[in-house]
Amino acid sequence: MFPLSVLAKPGPQNASGWDAPAASLVKKIVSMSENSKSLSLDVQNLSSLGPASVSEIRTAIESGLRHGGVNVQASGDTNDSAVITLSENALEYVWVAKIRHGGSEKIAIVDFPRGSARSDSGASEGITLQRQIVWQQREPMLDFAMISDADGNASVIVLEPARLSLHGHAGSPADQTLEFPAGSAARMQRDPKGRIDMASGTADVPGVRCSGGFDRFEQIQCVAAPQSKTLPDALSGYTIVLDGRNVEAAKLGNSCGSELLVLASGTGDWTVADSVRAYALADNQLSPVGSAVHFAGPVLAIWPSDDGKSARVISRNLETGMYEASIVSVTCAR
């Protein structure tokens, strides 16, 4: 197992509350400038924010830097600098800081929901998303499930295009693997889909169904199965449209005061870093709540968990090349 937790904190509570995102960006700037004692600051506005808001943001950042022990000086008086660009898209503000220190250049990014896009449906602005990586491997994954024995020891079942595997906890018997019948459709697809359904005790990929319950892995059988007209759609999962693109998503139901809460990935392709954000869905309108959890690569699949408060996320880390199985859970801060 590879446990790791990442906590995403919510953004500002109103459109003029810039302190929280400013503090988050300042923290990254100070860290990336390796505790430099002075730097020059330039704020460029490419968003729809007016001069008053830009001035408030600059003041908040300058105050944060000075509070962190960094003197803000005029350009040219120091070799270290931070150039901050304020931009936005349809759903969120995006602040990008380009930090130069000691001849090197680093990038810090903070994003958070636009005030005008906030939900009025009563959803809590205090929503947090927590990510826990429960398994990593080199081979592609389609879905996963967690099971526990009578002593509470957790193991993970991993669904791949060509097999189903059980990876036990420390001290458990050796890992077990069930290979799918030769010629199964998932083996030959460029973008295979698959899903584990713990409630029914089944796992499906195109052309193969595994069944028998997961509490006794040795009793599971994986056999060739004809593809029904509905199975490919079921394996494709739920999607929503953001910025004109279909993205992976999972419905979590009634959570944190929202009629319906949805977790969705970002709008990038499979070659860039990604994120998962919560959205309140009311009257067919999506409104972002809280801040996104960021991934070091594309999110490939999102499946809702049975508890209605979390989702199973498959992603690929572009830095390590590893596929990662994560649980992204929702916490209501009220």
Protein backbone atom coordinates (compact mmCIF):
# COMPACT_ATOMS: atom_id res chain seq x y z
CA MET A 1 0.00 0.00 0.00
CA PHE A 2 1.06 3.56 -0.61
CA PRO A 3 -0.93 5.83 1.76
CA LEU A 4 -0.88 9.55 1.03
CA SER A 5 -3.33 12.30 1.96
CA VAL A 6 -3.82 15.64 0.21
CA LEU A 7 -6.24 18.19 1.67
CA ALA A 8 -7.77 20.91 -0.48
CA LYS A 9 -9.05 23.91 1.45
CA PRO A 10 -12.06 25.98 0.36
CA GLY A 11 -11.67 29.30 -1.42
CA PRO A 12 -12.90 32.72 -0.29
CA GLN A 13 -16.36 33.10 1.13
CA ASN A 14 -17.28 36.01 -1.12
CA ALA A 15 -16.10 37.68 -4.30
CA SER A 16 -14.07 40.33 -2.43
CA GLY A 17 -12.51 38.00 0.15
CA TRP A 18 -9.04 37.67 -1.38
CA ASP A 19 -7.17 36.87 1.85
CA ALA A 20 -7.42 33.06 1.63
CA PRO A 21 -6.18 32.62 -1.99
CA ALA A 22 -3.56 35.35 -1.45
CA ALA A 23 -2.24 33.53 1.62
CA SER A 24 -2.12 30.26 -0.31
CA LEU A 25 -0.17 31.84 -3.16
CA VAL A 26 2.19 33.66 -0.76
CA LYS A 27 3.01 30.37 0.95
CA LYS A 28 3.99 28.84 -2.38
CA ILE A 29 6.03 31.89 -3.41
CA VAL A 30 7.98 31.91 -0.15
CA SER A 31 8.65 28.18 -0.43
CA MET A 32 9.74 28.32 -4.08
CA SER A 33 11.96 31.36 -3.53
CA GLU A 34 13.76 29.32 -0.86
CA ASN A 35 13.08 31.88 1.87
CA SER A 36 14.59 34.80 -0.03
CA LYS A 37 14.63 37.93 2.13
CA SER A 38 13.63 40.28 -0.69
CA LEU A 39 12.02 40.19 -4.13
CA SER A 40 10.26 42.45 -6.59
CA LEU A 41 6.55 41.99 -7.21
CA ASP A 42 4.59 42.58 -10.40
CA VAL A 43 0.83 41.89 -10.68
CA GLN A 44 -0.67 41.62 -14.17
CA ASN A 45 -4.45 41.44 -14.63
CA LEU A 46 -5.86 39.40 -17.53
CA SER A 47 -9.21 38.80 -15.81
CA SER A 48 -12.44 40.79 -15.60
CA LEU A 49 -11.52 42.12 -12.15
CA GLY A 50 -11.59 45.89 -11.76
CA PRO A 51 -8.73 48.10 -10.57
CA ALA A 52 -10.04 48.18 -6.98
CA SER A 53 -10.01 44.38 -6.70
CA VAL A 54 -6.56 44.12 -8.28
CA SER A 55 -5.28 46.68 -5.79
CA GLU A 56 -6.81 44.69 -2.89
CA ILE A 57 -5.18 41.50 -4.16
CA ARG A 58 -1.77 43.13 -4.52
CA THR A 59 -2.06 44.60 -1.03
CA ALA A 60 -3.00 41.20 0.42
CA ILE A 61 -0.05 39.52 -1.30
CA GLU A 62 2.42 42.22 -0.27
CA SER A 63 1.16 42.05 3.31
CA GLY A 64 1.49 38.28 3.32
CA LEU A 65 5.03 38.39 1.96
CA ARG A 66 6.14 40.97 4.54
CA HIS A 67 4.47 38.96 7.30
CA GLY A 68 6.52 36.00 6.05
CA GLY A 69 9.74 37.98 6.36
CA VAL A 70 10.12 38.96 2.69
CA ASN A 71 10.76 42.61 1.77
CA VAL A 72 8.97 43.72 -1.39
CA GLN A 73 11.30 45.99 -3.36
CA ALA A 74 11.17 47.88 -6.62
CA SER A 75 12.04 46.00 -9.78
CA GLY A 76 15.81 46.07 -10.40
CA ASP A 77 16.71 46.38 -6.73
CA THR A 78 16.87 42.60 -6.30
CA ASN A 79 17.62 39.58 -8.48
CA ASP A 80 14.61 37.66 -7.13
CA SER A 81 11.14 38.39 -8.45
CA ALA A 82 7.53 37.20 -8.53
CA VAL A 83 5.35 38.02 -11.54
CA ILE A 84 1.72 37.24 -10.78
CA THR A 85 -0.88 36.93 -13.54
CA LEU A 86 -4.56 37.13 -12.58
CA SER A 87 -6.73 35.19 -15.05
CA GLU A 88 -10.02 33.33 -15.08
CA ASN A 89 -12.21 30.89 -16.94
CA ALA A 90 -15.97 30.32 -16.91
CA LEU A 91 -15.97 28.78 -13.43
CA GLU A 92 -12.93 29.91 -11.49
CA TYR A 93 -10.18 32.46 -10.97
CA VAL A 94 -6.67 31.26 -11.76
CA TRP A 95 -3.63 33.07 -10.32
CA VAL A 96 -0.23 32.10 -11.69
CA ALA A 97 3.02 33.24 -10.07
CA LYS A 98 6.32 33.01 -11.98
CA ILE A 99 9.08 33.02 -9.33
CA ARG A 100 12.69 33.72 -10.27
CA HIS A 101 15.35 32.92 -7.68
CA GLY A 102 19.06 32.31 -8.05
CA GLY A 103 18.88 31.86 -11.81
CA SER A 104 16.02 29.33 -11.64
CA GLU A 105 12.35 29.82 -12.50
CA LYS A 106 9.38 28.09 -10.88
CA ILE A 107 5.61 28.30 -11.32
CA ALA A 108 2.95 28.38 -8.59
CA ILE A 109 -0.79 28.19 -9.30
CA VAL A 110 -3.84 28.91 -7.14
CA ASP A 111 -7.40 28.47 -8.44
CA PHE A 112 -10.75 28.92 -6.73
CA PRO A 113 -14.43 29.42 -7.68
CA ARG A 114 -15.53 32.73 -9.12
CA GLY A 115 -17.83 34.59 -6.74
CA SER A 116 -20.43 35.06 -9.48
CA ALA A 117 -20.63 31.30 -10.00
CA ARG A 118 -21.27 30.40 -6.39
CA SER A 119 -24.38 28.38 -5.64
CA ASP A 120 -27.35 29.98 -3.92
CA SER A 121 -28.91 26.60 -3.20
CA GLY A 122 -27.60 26.44 0.35
CA ALA A 123 -24.60 24.22 -0.35
CA SER A 124 -21.89 24.73 2.24
CA GLU A 125 -18.91 26.82 1.20
CA GLY A 126 -17.02 24.85 3.86
CA ILE A 127 -16.71 21.71 1.75
CA THR A 128 -13.25 20.11 1.71
CA LEU A 129 -12.00 17.31 -0.52
CA GLN A 130 -9.49 14.83 0.82
CA ARG A 131 -7.53 12.49 -1.40
CA GLN A 132 -5.98 9.22 -0.22
CA ILE A 133 -3.89 7.12 -2.59
CA VAL A 134 -4.48 3.47 -1.75
CA TRP A 135 -2.58 1.73 -4.56
CA GLN A 136 0.01 2.47 -7.28
CA GLN A 137 1.28 0.30 -10.12
CA ARG A 138 2.91 0.50 -13.55
CA GLU A 139 0.11 -1.31 -15.38
CA PRO A 140 -3.12 0.53 -16.38
CA MET A 141 -6.06 0.28 -13.97
CA LEU A 142 -9.78 0.62 -14.72
CA ASP A 143 -11.28 0.49 -11.21
CA PHE A 144 -10.54 -0.76 -7.71
CA ALA A 145 -12.28 -1.73 -4.48
CA MET A 146 -11.27 -1.94 -0.83
CA ILE A 147 -12.18 -4.93 1.33
CA SER A 148 -11.44 -5.73 4.97
CA ASP A 149 -11.10 -9.03 6.82
CA ALA A 150 -12.55 -9.85 10.25
CA ASP A 151 -9.58 -8.14 11.95
CA GLY A 152 -10.07 -4.92 9.99
CA ASN A 153 -7.03 -5.44 7.73
CA ALA A 154 -7.61 -3.80 4.35
CA SER A 155 -6.78 -5.25 0.93
CA VAL A 156 -7.33 -3.79 -2.53
CA ILE A 157 -8.88 -5.44 -5.57
CA VAL A 158 -7.66 -3.97 -8.85
CA LEU A 159 -9.43 -4.29 -12.19
CA GLU A 160 -7.17 -4.14 -15.26
CA PRO A 161 -7.96 -4.61 -18.97
CA ALA A 162 -6.77 -8.22 -18.90
CA ARG A 163 -7.08 -9.38 -15.29
CA LEU A 164 -8.48 -8.94 -11.79
CA SER A 165 -5.99 -8.91 -8.91
CA LEU A 166 -6.10 -9.01 -5.11
CA HIS A 167 -3.30 -7.24 -3.25
CA GLY A 168 -3.34 -8.14 0.42
CA HIS A 169 -2.17 -6.30 3.48
CA ALA A 170 1.21 -6.89 5.09
CA GLY A 171 1.39 -10.42 6.47
CA SER A 172 -1.43 -11.73 4.27
CA PRO A 173 -1.05 -14.59 1.79
CA ALA A 174 0.55 -13.90 -1.59
CA ASP A 175 -1.30 -11.72 -4.09
CA GLN A 176 -3.88 -13.49 -6.26
CA THR A 177 -4.64 -12.87 -9.93
CA LEU A 178 -7.38 -13.99 -12.32
CA GLU A 179 -6.48 -13.68 -16.00
CA PHE A 180 -9.33 -12.88 -18.39
CA PRO A 181 -10.14 -15.22 -21.29
CA ALA A 182 -7.92 -14.67 -24.32
CA GLY A 183 -9.42 -12.39 -26.93
CA SER A 184 -11.52 -10.29 -24.55
CA ALA A 185 -12.45 -6.95 -26.05
CA ALA A 186 -10.85 -4.89 -23.26
CA ARG A 187 -7.41 -6.29 -24.10
CA MET A 188 -7.58 -4.83 -27.58
CA GLN A 189 -9.23 -1.47 -26.93
CA ARG A 190 -7.14 1.70 -26.91
CA ASP A 191 -9.27 3.22 -24.14
CA PRO A 192 -10.78 0.27 -22.27
CA LYS A 193 -13.41 0.77 -19.60
CA GLY A 194 -14.30 -1.40 -16.64
CA ARG A 195 -16.09 -1.24 -13.32
CA ILE A 196 -16.31 -3.12 -10.03
CA ASP A 197 -19.77 -3.32 -8.43
CA MET A 198 -19.35 -4.36 -4.82
CA ALA A 199 -23.11 -4.48 -4.19
CA SER A 200 -23.66 -7.17 -6.83
CA GLY A 201 -20.25 -8.80 -6.36
CA THR A 202 -19.30 -8.38 -10.01
CA ALA A 203 -16.57 -6.81 -12.11
CA ASP A 204 -17.07 -6.06 -15.80
CA VAL A 205 -14.94 -5.18 -18.79
CA PRO A 206 -16.13 -5.48 -22.41
CA GLY A 207 -16.60 -9.15 -23.14
CA VAL A 208 -15.84 -10.44 -19.61
CA ARG A 209 -17.77 -10.65 -16.34
CA CYS A 210 -16.23 -11.72 -13.02
CA SER A 211 -18.61 -12.78 -10.26
CA GLY A 212 -18.77 -14.75 -7.05
CA GLY A 213 -18.31 -12.07 -4.38
CA PHE A 214 -15.06 -10.40 -3.39
CA ASP A 215 -14.80 -11.49 0.24
CA ARG A 216 -13.59 -14.90 -1.02
CA PHE A 217 -11.38 -14.05 -3.97
CA GLU A 218 -10.53 -17.67 -4.68
CA GLN A 219 -14.20 -18.33 -5.54
CA ILE A 220 -14.47 -15.61 -8.19
CA GLN A 221 -14.85 -16.77 -11.78
CA CYS A 222 -14.15 -14.62 -14.82
CA VAL A 223 -15.87 -15.81 -17.99
CA ALA A 224 -16.50 -14.53 -21.47
CA ALA A 225 -19.82 -12.72 -21.63
CA PRO A 226 -21.74 -11.27 -24.57
CA GLN A 227 -21.82 -7.49 -24.56
CA SER A 228 -25.32 -6.15 -24.11
CA LYS A 229 -26.37 -2.82 -25.61
CA THR A 230 -26.35 -1.19 -22.18
CA LEU A 231 -23.03 -2.49 -20.85
CA PRO A 232 -20.71 -0.17 -22.82
CA ASP A 233 -22.72 2.85 -21.63
CA ALA A 234 -22.62 1.64 -18.03
CA LEU A 235 -18.86 1.20 -18.19
CA SER A 236 -18.36 4.66 -19.70
CA GLY A 237 -19.61 6.20 -16.47
CA TYR A 238 -21.23 9.58 -15.86
CA THR A 239 -19.97 12.74 -17.56
CA ILE A 240 -20.77 16.45 -17.39
CA VAL A 241 -19.98 19.29 -19.77
CA LEU A 242 -17.46 21.92 -18.63
CA ASP A 243 -16.16 24.60 -20.99
CA GLY A 244 -17.69 22.69 -23.89
CA ARG A 245 -15.97 19.37 -23.06
CA ASN A 246 -17.30 16.14 -21.59
CA VAL A 247 -15.38 15.30 -18.41
CA GLU A 248 -15.38 12.34 -16.05
CA ALA A 249 -17.74 12.79 -13.08
CA ALA A 250 -19.55 10.98 -10.25
CA LYS A 251 -22.87 11.82 -8.59
CA LEU A 252 -22.67 11.63 -4.79
CA GLY A 253 -26.26 12.51 -3.93
CA ASN A 254 -27.40 14.88 -1.18
CA SER A 255 -24.31 16.18 0.62
CA CYS A 256 -23.40 19.31 2.61
CA GLY A 257 -26.76 20.99 2.05
CA SER A 258 -26.71 20.53 -1.72
CA GLU A 259 -29.58 18.83 -3.51
CA LEU A 260 -26.98 16.93 -5.55
CA LEU A 261 -23.19 17.02 -5.28
CA VAL A 262 -21.01 16.02 -8.23
CA LEU A 263 -17.27 15.36 -8.31
CA ALA A 264 -15.72 16.05 -11.71
CA SER A 265 -12.30 16.14 -13.34
CA GLY A 266 -10.80 19.08 -15.19
CA THR A 267 -10.99 19.85 -18.90
CA GLY A 268 -7.42 19.01 -19.95
CA ASP A 269 -6.37 16.09 -22.13
CA TRP A 270 -4.33 13.02 -21.15
CA THR A 271 -1.02 14.88 -21.46
CA VAL A 272 -1.46 17.44 -18.64
CA ALA A 273 -2.01 17.59 -14.90
CA ASP A 274 -5.62 17.35 -13.76
CA SER A 275 -7.87 18.01 -10.79
CA VAL A 276 -11.12 16.91 -9.14
CA ARG A 277 -13.60 19.54 -7.91
CA ALA A 278 -16.99 19.40 -6.23
CA TYR A 279 -20.00 21.01 -7.89
CA ALA A 280 -23.48 21.65 -6.53
CA LEU A 281 -26.15 20.72 -9.08
CA ALA A 282 -29.49 22.49 -8.79
CA ASP A 283 -32.02 23.40 -11.50
CA ASN A 284 -29.66 21.87 -14.07
CA GLN A 285 -26.99 24.41 -13.15
CA LEU A 286 -23.50 23.48 -11.90
CA SER A 287 -21.78 25.71 -9.33
CA PRO A 288 -18.27 24.94 -7.97
CA VAL A 289 -17.94 24.64 -4.20
CA GLY A 290 -14.68 24.48 -2.27
CA SER A 291 -11.31 24.07 -3.98
CA ALA A 292 -9.99 21.42 -6.31
CA VAL A 293 -7.73 18.51 -5.40
CA HIS A 294 -4.85 18.46 -7.86
CA PHE A 295 -3.30 15.43 -9.57
CA ALA A 296 0.12 15.13 -11.22
CA GLY A 297 -1.49 13.81 -14.39
CA PRO A 298 -4.81 13.02 -16.07
CA VAL A 299 -7.84 11.64 -14.24
CA LEU A 300 -8.91 8.57 -16.21
CA ALA A 301 -12.04 7.42 -14.37
CA ILE A 302 -14.27 8.47 -11.47
CA TRP A 303 -16.75 6.06 -9.86
CA PRO A 304 -19.10 6.90 -6.96
CA SER A 305 -18.56 4.88 -3.78
CA ASP A 306 -21.42 3.19 -1.96
CA ASP A 307 -21.19 5.58 1.01
CA GLY A 308 -22.42 8.52 -1.11
CA LYS A 309 -19.66 10.75 0.30
CA SER A 310 -16.64 9.69 -1.73
CA ALA A 311 -15.51 8.56 -5.16
CA ARG A 312 -12.95 6.13 -6.52
CA VAL A 313 -10.52 7.90 -8.86
CA ILE A 314 -8.06 6.36 -11.30
CA SER A 315 -5.30 8.68 -12.51
CA ARG A 316 -1.85 8.51 -14.03
CA ASN A 317 1.09 10.37 -12.53
CA LEU A 318 3.01 11.92 -15.43
CA GLU A 319 6.07 12.48 -13.23
CA THR A 320 6.46 8.85 -12.12
CA GLY A 321 4.54 7.02 -14.84
CA MET A 322 2.56 5.17 -12.17
CA TYR A 323 -1.20 4.61 -12.29
CA GLU A 324 -2.79 5.66 -8.99
CA ALA A 325 -5.98 4.48 -7.30
CA SER A 326 -7.35 7.14 -4.94
CA ILE A 327 -10.35 7.74 -2.74
CA VAL A 328 -11.55 11.36 -2.88
CA SER A 329 -13.93 12.05 -0.01
CA VAL A 330 -16.15 15.01 0.87
CA THR A 331 -16.21 16.60 4.32
CA CYS A 332 -18.79 19.21 5.36
CA ALA A 333 -17.14 21.83 7.55
CA ARG A 334 -20.30 23.19 9.16
